[in-house]
Amino acid sequence: MERRPNRPIDYLKNSVNRVILIKVKRNRLFRGLLQGFDEHLNLYLEGTSQIFEYQDEDGNIREEHEDLGSIVVRGDNVIFVNLANEE
């Protein structure tokens, strides 16, 4: 029996109730707990924070976070999703 390769949607299904990283248009980055998604790949996140990266006076890359709580990210705005690792 031939094993079917995993599709991207399978990885997304396996990442429900896990923390994921999402990059959206306008170079915005979010980290949150994936609660679910729909047929348009709109993502429902809880405990979400927006991540801001900047360079300090010494040239080091720094990160700041803004807590957003529960959000919906429209699927057509998503550039990439860093999914949870399969166990």
PDB file of N, CA and C in Angstrom:
ATOM      1  N   MET A   1       0.850  -1.187   0.000  1.00  0.00           N
ATOM      2  CA  MET A   1       0.000   0.000   0.000  1.00  0.00           C
ATOM      3  C   MET A   1       0.892   1.245   0.000  1.00  0.00           C
ATOM      4  N   GLU A   2       0.633   2.168  -0.906  1.00  0.00           N
ATOM      5  CA  GLU A   2       1.444   3.365  -1.036  1.00  0.00           C
ATOM      6  C   GLU A   2       1.004   4.406  -0.013  1.00  0.00           C
ATOM      7  N   ARG A   3       1.983   4.962   0.659  1.00  0.00           N
ATOM      8  CA  ARG A   3       1.699   5.990   1.665  1.00  0.00           C
ATOM      9  C   ARG A   3       1.564   7.343   0.969  1.00  0.00           C
ATOM     10  N   ARG A   4       0.484   8.041   1.257  1.00  0.00           N
ATOM     11  CA  ARG A   4       0.233   9.347   0.656  1.00  0.00           C
ATOM     12  C   ARG A   4       1.066  10.416   1.370  1.00  0.00           C
ATOM     13  N   PRO A   5       1.743  11.266   0.638  1.00  0.00           N
ATOM     14  CA  PRO A   5       2.559  12.298   1.299  1.00  0.00           C
ATOM     15  C   PRO A   5       1.673  13.277   2.062  1.00  0.00           C
ATOM     16  N   ASN A   6       2.224  13.845   3.132  1.00  0.00           N
ATOM     17  CA  ASN A   6       1.476  14.838   3.901  1.00  0.00           C
ATOM     18  C   ASN A   6       1.288  16.095   3.066  1.00  0.00           C
ATOM     19  N   ARG A   7       0.098  16.635   3.113  1.00  0.00           N
ATOM     20  CA  ARG A   7      -0.212  17.891   2.435  1.00  0.00           C
ATOM     21  C   ARG A   7      -0.063  19.024   3.449  1.00  0.00           C
ATOM     22  N   PRO A   8       0.130  20.254   2.990  1.00  0.00           N
ATOM     23  CA  PRO A   8       0.233  21.375   3.927  1.00  0.00           C
ATOM     24  C   PRO A   8      -0.959  21.451   4.881  1.00  0.00           C
ATOM     25  N   ILE A   9      -2.168  21.145   4.378  1.00  0.00           N
ATOM     26  CA  ILE A   9      -3.349  21.195   5.237  1.00  0.00           C
ATOM     27  C   ILE A   9      -3.257  20.180   6.371  1.00  0.00           C
ATOM     28  N   ASP A  10      -2.583  19.045   6.133  1.00  0.00           N
ATOM     29  CA  ASP A  10      -2.405  18.043   7.185  1.00  0.00           C
ATOM     30  C   ASP A  10      -1.515  18.589   8.303  1.00  0.00           C
ATOM     31  N   TYR A  11      -0.472  19.316   7.922  1.00  0.00           N
ATOM     32  CA  TYR A  11       0.398  19.923   8.938  1.00  0.00           C
ATOM     33  C   TYR A  11      -0.373  20.958   9.740  1.00  0.00           C
ATOM     34  N   LEU A  12      -1.230  21.722   9.074  1.00  0.00           N
ATOM     35  CA  LEU A  12      -2.032  22.719   9.770  1.00  0.00           C
ATOM     36  C   LEU A  12      -2.977  22.040  10.758  1.00  0.00           C
ATOM     37  N   LYS A  13      -3.633  20.959  10.322  1.00  0.00           N
ATOM     38  CA  LYS A  13      -4.521  20.207  11.225  1.00  0.00           C
ATOM     39  C   LYS A  13      -3.766  19.684  12.436  1.00  0.00           C
ATOM     40  N   ASN A  14      -2.531  19.229  12.233  1.00  0.00           N
ATOM     41  CA  ASN A  14      -1.722  18.698  13.335  1.00  0.00           C
ATOM     42  C   ASN A  14      -1.203  19.785  14.265  1.00  0.00           C
ATOM     43  N   SER A  15      -1.343  21.052  13.856  1.00  0.00           N
ATOM     44  CA  SER A  15      -0.849  22.162  14.673  1.00  0.00           C
ATOM     45  C   SER A  15      -1.935  22.828  15.500  1.00  0.00           C
ATOM     46  N   VAL A  16      -3.193  22.352  15.392  1.00  0.00           N
ATOM     47  CA  VAL A  16      -4.264  22.896  16.235  1.00  0.00           C
ATOM     48  C   VAL A  16      -3.912  22.624  17.697  1.00  0.00           C
ATOM     49  N   ASN A  17      -4.139  23.624  18.535  1.00  0.00           N
ATOM     50  CA  ASN A  17      -3.811  23.602  19.964  1.00  0.00           C
ATOM     51  C   ASN A  17      -2.310  23.613  20.217  1.00  0.00           C
ATOM     52  N   ARG A  18      -1.557  24.146  19.245  1.00  0.00           N
ATOM     53  CA  ARG A  18      -0.111  24.343  19.405  1.00  0.00           C
ATOM     54  C   ARG A  18       0.222  25.782  19.039  1.00  0.00           C
ATOM     55  N   VAL A  19       1.357  26.254  19.527  1.00  0.00           N
ATOM     56  CA  VAL A  19       1.807  27.602  19.213  1.00  0.00           C
ATOM     57  C   VAL A  19       2.436  27.613  17.827  1.00  0.00           C
ATOM     58  N   ILE A  20       1.998  28.574  17.003  1.00  0.00           N
ATOM     59  CA  ILE A  20       2.550  28.717  15.653  1.00  0.00           C
ATOM     60  C   ILE A  20       3.028  30.154  15.453  1.00  0.00           C
ATOM     61  N   LEU A  21       3.843  30.336  14.438  1.00  0.00           N
ATOM     62  CA  LEU A  21       4.350  31.644  14.048  1.00  0.00           C
ATOM     63  C   LEU A  21       3.806  31.949  12.658  1.00  0.00           C
ATOM     64  N   ILE A  22       3.252  33.151  12.471  1.00  0.00           N
ATOM     65  CA  ILE A  22       2.622  33.526  11.204  1.00  0.00           C
ATOM     66  C   ILE A  22       3.200  34.851  10.730  1.00  0.00           C
ATOM     67  N   LYS A  23       3.606  34.885   9.462  1.00  0.00           N
ATOM     68  CA  LYS A  23       3.998  36.150   8.840  1.00  0.00           C
ATOM     69  C   LYS A  23       2.901  36.530   7.863  1.00  0.00           C
ATOM     70  N   VAL A  24       2.460  37.791   7.959  1.00  0.00           N
ATOM     71  CA  VAL A  24       1.405  38.276   7.075  1.00  0.00           C
ATOM     72  C   VAL A  24       1.919  39.460   6.260  1.00  0.00           C
ATOM     73  N   LYS A  25       1.085  39.915   5.341  1.00  0.00           N
ATOM     74  CA  LYS A  25       1.447  41.053   4.509  1.00  0.00           C
ATOM     75  C   LYS A  25       1.851  42.242   5.372  1.00  0.00           C
ATOM     76  N   ARG A  26       2.593  43.148   4.764  1.00  0.00           N
ATOM     77  CA  ARG A  26       3.147  44.335   5.452  1.00  0.00           C
ATOM     78  C   ARG A  26       4.167  43.938   6.505  1.00  0.00           C
ATOM     79  N   ASN A  27       4.774  42.756   6.303  1.00  0.00           N
ATOM     80  CA  ASN A  27       5.890  42.292   7.127  1.00  0.00           C
ATOM     81  C   ASN A  27       5.565  42.229   8.618  1.00  0.00           C
ATOM     82  N   ARG A  28       4.353  41.805   8.941  1.00  0.00           N
ATOM     83  CA  ARG A  28       3.964  41.657  10.357  1.00  0.00           C
ATOM     84  C   ARG A  28       4.100  40.200  10.763  1.00  0.00           C
ATOM     85  N   LEU A  29       4.486  39.986  12.010  1.00  0.00           N
ATOM     86  CA  LEU A  29       4.752  38.651  12.529  1.00  0.00           C
ATOM     87  C   LEU A  29       3.935  38.441  13.803  1.00  0.00           C
ATOM     88  N   PHE A  30       3.225  37.292  13.870  1.00  0.00           N
ATOM     89  CA  PHE A  30       2.398  36.966  15.036  1.00  0.00           C
ATOM     90  C   PHE A  30       2.755  35.582  15.559  1.00  0.00           C
ATOM     91  N   ARG A  31       2.665  35.416  16.878  1.00  0.00           N
ATOM     92  CA  ARG A  31       2.837  34.109  17.509  1.00  0.00           C
ATOM     93  C   ARG A  31       1.622  33.880  18.400  1.00  0.00           C
ATOM     94  N   GLY A  32       0.996  32.710  18.255  1.00  0.00           N
ATOM     95  CA  GLY A  32      -0.171  32.428  19.072  1.00  0.00           C
ATOM     96  C   GLY A  32      -0.550  30.958  19.026  1.00  0.00           C
ATOM     97  N   LEU A  33      -1.503  30.597  19.870  1.00  0.00           N
ATOM     98  CA  LEU A  33      -2.003  29.232  19.949  1.00  0.00           C
ATOM     99  C   LEU A  33      -3.098  29.058  18.903  1.00  0.00           C
ATOM    100  N   LEU A  34      -2.866  28.171  17.942  1.00  0.00           N
ATOM    101  CA  LEU A  34      -3.834  27.922  16.880  1.00  0.00           C
ATOM    102  C   LEU A  34      -5.022  27.158  17.451  1.00  0.00           C
ATOM    103  N   GLN A  35      -6.193  27.802  17.422  1.00  0.00           N
ATOM    104  CA  GLN A  35      -7.416  27.167  17.924  1.00  0.00           C
ATOM    105  C   GLN A  35      -8.187  26.479  16.816  1.00  0.00           C
ATOM    106  N   GLY A  36      -8.002  26.943  15.582  1.00  0.00           N
ATOM    107  CA  GLY A  36      -8.707  26.335  14.467  1.00  0.00           C
ATOM    108  C   GLY A  36      -8.548  27.174  13.218  1.00  0.00           C
ATOM    109  N   PHE A  37      -9.149  26.679  12.133  1.00  0.00           N
ATOM    110  CA  PHE A  37      -9.126  27.381  10.856  1.00  0.00           C
ATOM    111  C   PHE A  37     -10.331  26.927  10.052  1.00  0.00           C
ATOM    112  N   ASP A  38     -10.631  27.681   8.993  1.00  0.00           N
ATOM    113  CA  ASP A  38     -11.780  27.326   8.165  1.00  0.00           C
ATOM    114  C   ASP A  38     -11.343  27.021   6.734  1.00  0.00           C
ATOM    115  N   GLU A  39     -12.334  26.860   5.846  1.00  0.00           N
ATOM    116  CA  GLU A  39     -12.029  26.457   4.470  1.00  0.00           C
ATOM    117  C   GLU A  39     -11.276  27.533   3.689  1.00  0.00           C
ATOM    118  N   HIS A  40     -11.279  28.782   4.188  1.00  0.00           N
ATOM    119  CA  HIS A  40     -10.536  29.865   3.544  1.00  0.00           C
ATOM    120  C   HIS A  40      -9.148  30.030   4.160  1.00  0.00           C
ATOM    121  N   LEU A  41      -8.809  29.124   5.075  1.00  0.00           N
ATOM    122  CA  LEU A  41      -7.554  29.159   5.830  1.00  0.00           C
ATOM    123  C   LEU A  41      -7.430  30.412   6.685  1.00  0.00           C
ATOM    124  N   ASN A  42      -8.588  30.968   7.112  1.00  0.00           N
ATOM    125  CA  ASN A  42      -8.567  31.981   8.155  1.00  0.00           C
ATOM    126  C   ASN A  42      -8.134  31.264   9.426  1.00  0.00           C
ATOM    127  N   LEU A  43      -7.215  31.862  10.168  1.00  0.00           N
ATOM    128  CA  LEU A  43      -6.637  31.212  11.343  1.00  0.00           C
ATOM    129  C   LEU A  43      -7.170  31.884  12.608  1.00  0.00           C
ATOM    130  N   TYR A  44      -7.621  31.072  13.559  1.00  0.00           N
ATOM    131  CA  TYR A  44      -8.155  31.554  14.823  1.00  0.00           C
ATOM    132  C   TYR A  44      -7.117  31.292  15.909  1.00  0.00           C
ATOM    133  N   LEU A  45      -6.585  32.385  16.499  1.00  0.00           N
ATOM    134  CA  LEU A  45      -5.493  32.282  17.461  1.00  0.00           C
ATOM    135  C   LEU A  45      -5.881  32.847  18.811  1.00  0.00           C
ATOM    136  N   GLU A  46      -5.349  32.253  19.873  1.00  0.00           N
ATOM    137  CA  GLU A  46      -5.516  32.771  21.228  1.00  0.00           C
ATOM    138  C   GLU A  46      -4.137  33.028  21.815  1.00  0.00           C
ATOM    139  N   GLY A  47      -4.091  33.916  22.799  1.00  0.00           N
ATOM    140  CA  GLY A  47      -2.822  34.222  23.454  1.00  0.00           C
ATOM    141  C   GLY A  47      -1.801  34.753  22.460  1.00  0.00           C
ATOM    142  N   THR A  48      -2.273  35.569  21.531  1.00  0.00           N
ATOM    143  CA  THR A  48      -1.433  36.022  20.424  1.00  0.00           C
ATOM    144  C   THR A  48      -0.630  37.261  20.796  1.00  0.00           C
ATOM    145  N   SER A  49       0.592  37.303  20.285  1.00  0.00           N
ATOM    146  CA  SER A  49       1.393  38.514  20.395  1.00  0.00           C
ATOM    147  C   SER A  49       1.964  38.849  19.032  1.00  0.00           C
ATOM    148  N   GLN A  50       2.054  40.166  18.767  1.00  0.00           N
ATOM    149  CA  GLN A  50       2.728  40.623  17.558  1.00  0.00           C
ATOM    150  C   GLN A  50       4.183  40.854  17.924  1.00  0.00           C
ATOM    151  N   ILE A  51       5.074  40.418  17.055  1.00  0.00           N
ATOM    152  CA  ILE A  51       6.506  40.497  17.313  1.00  0.00           C
ATOM    153  C   ILE A  51       7.095  41.589  16.433  1.00  0.00           C
ATOM    154  N   PHE A  52       7.835  42.488  17.067  1.00  0.00           N
ATOM    155  CA  PHE A  52       8.524  43.561  16.361  1.00  0.00           C
ATOM    156  C   PHE A  52      10.019  43.345  16.511  1.00  0.00           C
ATOM    157  N   GLU A  53      10.732  43.295  15.402  1.00  0.00           N
ATOM    158  CA  GLU A  53      12.188  43.183  15.454  1.00  0.00           C
ATOM    159  C   GLU A  53      12.783  44.521  15.035  1.00  0.00           C
ATOM    160  N   TYR A  54      13.837  44.929  15.730  1.00  0.00           N
ATOM    161  CA  TYR A  54      14.510  46.176  15.389  1.00  0.00           C
ATOM    162  C   TYR A  54      15.984  46.056  15.746  1.00  0.00           C
ATOM    163  N   GLN A  55      16.768  46.982  15.227  1.00  0.00           N
ATOM    164  CA  GLN A  55      18.197  46.985  15.488  1.00  0.00           C
ATOM    165  C   GLN A  55      18.486  48.086  16.500  1.00  0.00           C
ATOM    166  N   ASP A  56      19.186  47.726  17.600  1.00  0.00           N
ATOM    167  CA  ASP A  56      19.505  48.728  18.616  1.00  0.00           C
ATOM    168  C   ASP A  56      20.744  49.537  18.215  1.00  0.00           C
ATOM    169  N   GLU A  57      21.140  50.471  19.097  1.00  0.00           N
ATOM    170  CA  GLU A  57      22.269  51.365  18.811  1.00  0.00           C
ATOM    171  C   GLU A  57      23.561  50.594  18.542  1.00  0.00           C
ATOM    172  N   ASP A  58      23.705  49.424  19.160  1.00  0.00           N
ATOM    173  CA  ASP A  58      24.921  48.624  19.011  1.00  0.00           C
ATOM    174  C   ASP A  58      24.861  47.673  17.815  1.00  0.00           C
ATOM    175  N   GLY A  59      23.776  47.729  17.055  1.00  0.00           N
ATOM    176  CA  GLY A  59      23.660  46.871  15.881  1.00  0.00           C
ATOM    177  C   GLY A  59      23.074  45.492  16.167  1.00  0.00           C
ATOM    178  N   ASN A  60      22.640  45.251  17.415  1.00  0.00           N
ATOM    179  CA  ASN A  60      22.043  43.962  17.771  1.00  0.00           C
ATOM    180  C   ASN A  60      20.566  43.945  17.393  1.00  0.00           C
ATOM    181  N   ILE A  61      20.101  42.792  16.947  1.00  0.00           N
ATOM    182  CA  ILE A  61      18.679  42.637  16.633  1.00  0.00           C
ATOM    183  C   ILE A  61      17.926  42.367  17.937  1.00  0.00           C
ATOM    184  N   ARG A  62      16.934  43.184  18.215  1.00  0.00           N
ATOM    185  CA  ARG A  62      16.111  43.057  19.420  1.00  0.00           C
ATOM    186  C   ARG A  62      14.686  42.729  19.010  1.00  0.00           C
ATOM    187  N   GLU A  63      13.928  42.204  19.969  1.00  0.00           N
ATOM    188  CA  GLU A  63      12.548  41.807  19.723  1.00  0.00           C
ATOM    189  C   GLU A  63      11.664  42.390  20.814  1.00  0.00           C
ATOM    190  N   GLU A  64      10.535  42.956  20.410  1.00  0.00           N
ATOM    191  CA  GLU A  64       9.522  43.405  21.362  1.00  0.00           C
ATOM    192  C   GLU A  64       8.211  42.734  21.004  1.00  0.00           C
ATOM    193  N   HIS A  65       7.338  42.589  22.004  1.00  0.00           N
ATOM    194  CA  HIS A  65       6.065  41.895  21.814  1.00  0.00           C
ATOM    195  C   HIS A  65       4.919  42.797  22.257  1.00  0.00           C
ATOM    196  N   GLU A  66       3.823  42.748  21.506  1.00  0.00           N
ATOM    197  CA  GLU A  66       2.588  43.417  21.893  1.00  0.00           C
ATOM    198  C   GLU A  66       1.522  42.340  22.027  1.00  0.00           C
ATOM    199  N   ASP A  67       0.972  42.187  23.233  1.00  0.00           N
ATOM    200  CA  ASP A  67      -0.055  41.170  23.455  1.00  0.00           C
ATOM    201  C   ASP A  67      -1.373  41.608  22.826  1.00  0.00           C
ATOM    202  N   LEU A  68      -1.971  40.696  22.033  1.00  0.00           N
ATOM    203  CA  LEU A  68      -3.209  40.994  21.329  1.00  0.00           C
ATOM    204  C   LEU A  68      -4.380  40.126  21.781  1.00  0.00           C
ATOM    205  N   GLY A  69      -4.101  39.036  22.494  1.00  0.00           N
ATOM    206  CA  GLY A  69      -5.177  38.153  22.933  1.00  0.00           C
ATOM    207  C   GLY A  69      -5.664  37.266  21.810  1.00  0.00           C
ATOM    208  N   SER A  70      -6.991  37.184  21.633  1.00  0.00           N
ATOM    209  CA  SER A  70      -7.598  36.344  20.595  1.00  0.00           C
ATOM    210  C   SER A  70      -7.770  37.146  19.310  1.00  0.00           C
ATOM    211  N   ILE A  71      -7.314  36.585  18.193  1.00  0.00           N
ATOM    212  CA  ILE A  71      -7.432  37.264  16.914  1.00  0.00           C
ATOM    213  C   ILE A  71      -7.799  36.263  15.813  1.00  0.00           C
ATOM    214  N   VAL A  72      -8.246  36.798  14.691  1.00  0.00           N
ATOM    215  CA  VAL A  72      -8.457  36.026  13.465  1.00  0.00           C
ATOM    216  C   VAL A  72      -7.526  36.622  12.415  1.00  0.00           C
ATOM    217  N   VAL A  73      -6.760  35.767  11.756  1.00  0.00           N
ATOM    218  CA  VAL A  73      -5.902  36.210  10.662  1.00  0.00           C
ATOM    219  C   VAL A  73      -6.525  35.714   9.367  1.00  0.00           C
ATOM    220  N   ARG A  74      -6.850  36.638   8.463  1.00  0.00           N
ATOM    221  CA  ARG A  74      -7.445  36.248   7.179  1.00  0.00           C
ATOM    222  C   ARG A  74      -6.454  35.439   6.371  1.00  0.00           C
ATOM    223  N   GLY A  75      -6.931  34.350   5.834  1.00  0.00           N
ATOM    224  CA  GLY A  75      -6.071  33.453   5.086  1.00  0.00           C
ATOM    225  C   GLY A  75      -5.375  34.094   3.906  1.00  0.00           C
ATOM    226  N   ASP A  76      -6.041  35.067   3.249  1.00  0.00           N
ATOM    227  CA  ASP A  76      -5.410  35.674   2.077  1.00  0.00           C
ATOM    228  C   ASP A  76      -4.326  36.684   2.432  1.00  0.00           C
ATOM    229  N   ASN A  77      -4.125  36.963   3.720  1.00  0.00           N
ATOM    230  CA  ASN A  77      -3.037  37.838   4.168  1.00  0.00           C
ATOM    231  C   ASN A  77      -1.793  37.059   4.585  1.00  0.00           C
ATOM    232  N   VAL A  78      -1.918  35.756   4.730  1.00  0.00           N
ATOM    233  CA  VAL A  78      -0.814  34.949   5.253  1.00  0.00           C
ATOM    234  C   VAL A  78       0.244  34.737   4.181  1.00  0.00           C
ATOM    235  N   ILE A  79       1.489  35.006   4.540  1.00  0.00           N
ATOM    236  CA  ILE A  79       2.627  34.757   3.663  1.00  0.00           C
ATOM    237  C   ILE A  79       3.241  33.398   4.004  1.00  0.00           C
ATOM    238  N   PHE A  80       3.460  33.150   5.308  1.00  0.00           N
ATOM    239  CA  PHE A  80       3.925  31.827   5.719  1.00  0.00           C
ATOM    240  C   PHE A  80       3.479  31.516   7.132  1.00  0.00           C
ATOM    241  N   VAL A  81       3.438  30.232   7.445  1.00  0.00           N
ATOM    242  CA  VAL A  81       3.108  29.745   8.779  1.00  0.00           C
ATOM    243  C   VAL A  81       4.197  28.775   9.187  1.00  0.00           C
ATOM    244  N   ASN A  82       4.795  29.009  10.354  1.00  0.00           N
ATOM    245  CA  ASN A  82       5.748  28.062  10.915  1.00  0.00           C
ATOM    246  C   ASN A  82       4.953  27.173  11.861  1.00  0.00           C
ATOM    247  N   LEU A  83       4.698  25.941  11.415  1.00  0.00           N
ATOM    248  CA  LEU A  83       3.833  25.024  12.146  1.00  0.00           C
ATOM    249  C   LEU A  83       4.578  24.320  13.256  1.00  0.00           C
ATOM    250  N   ALA A  84       3.816  23.781  14.193  1.00  0.00           N
ATOM    251  CA  ALA A  84       4.395  22.996  15.276  1.00  0.00           C
ATOM    252  C   ALA A  84       4.999  21.721  14.726  1.00  0.00           C
ATOM    253  N   ASN A  85       6.039  21.257  15.361  1.00  0.00           N
ATOM    254  CA  ASN A  85       6.659  19.984  14.952  1.00  0.00           C
ATOM    255  C   ASN A  85       5.746  18.835  15.295  1.00  0.00           C
ATOM    256  N   GLU A  86       5.716  17.831  14.420  1.00  0.00           N
ATOM    257  CA  GLU A  86       4.938  16.620  14.708  1.00  0.00           C
ATOM    258  C   GLU A  86       5.683  15.811  15.755  1.00  0.00           C
ATOM    259  N   GLU A  87       4.940  15.191  16.656  1.00  0.00           N
ATOM    260  CA  GLU A  87       5.572  14.383  17.699  1.00  0.00           C
ATOM    261  C   GLU A  87       5.706  12.964  17.266  1.00  0.00           C
TER     262      GLU A  87
END
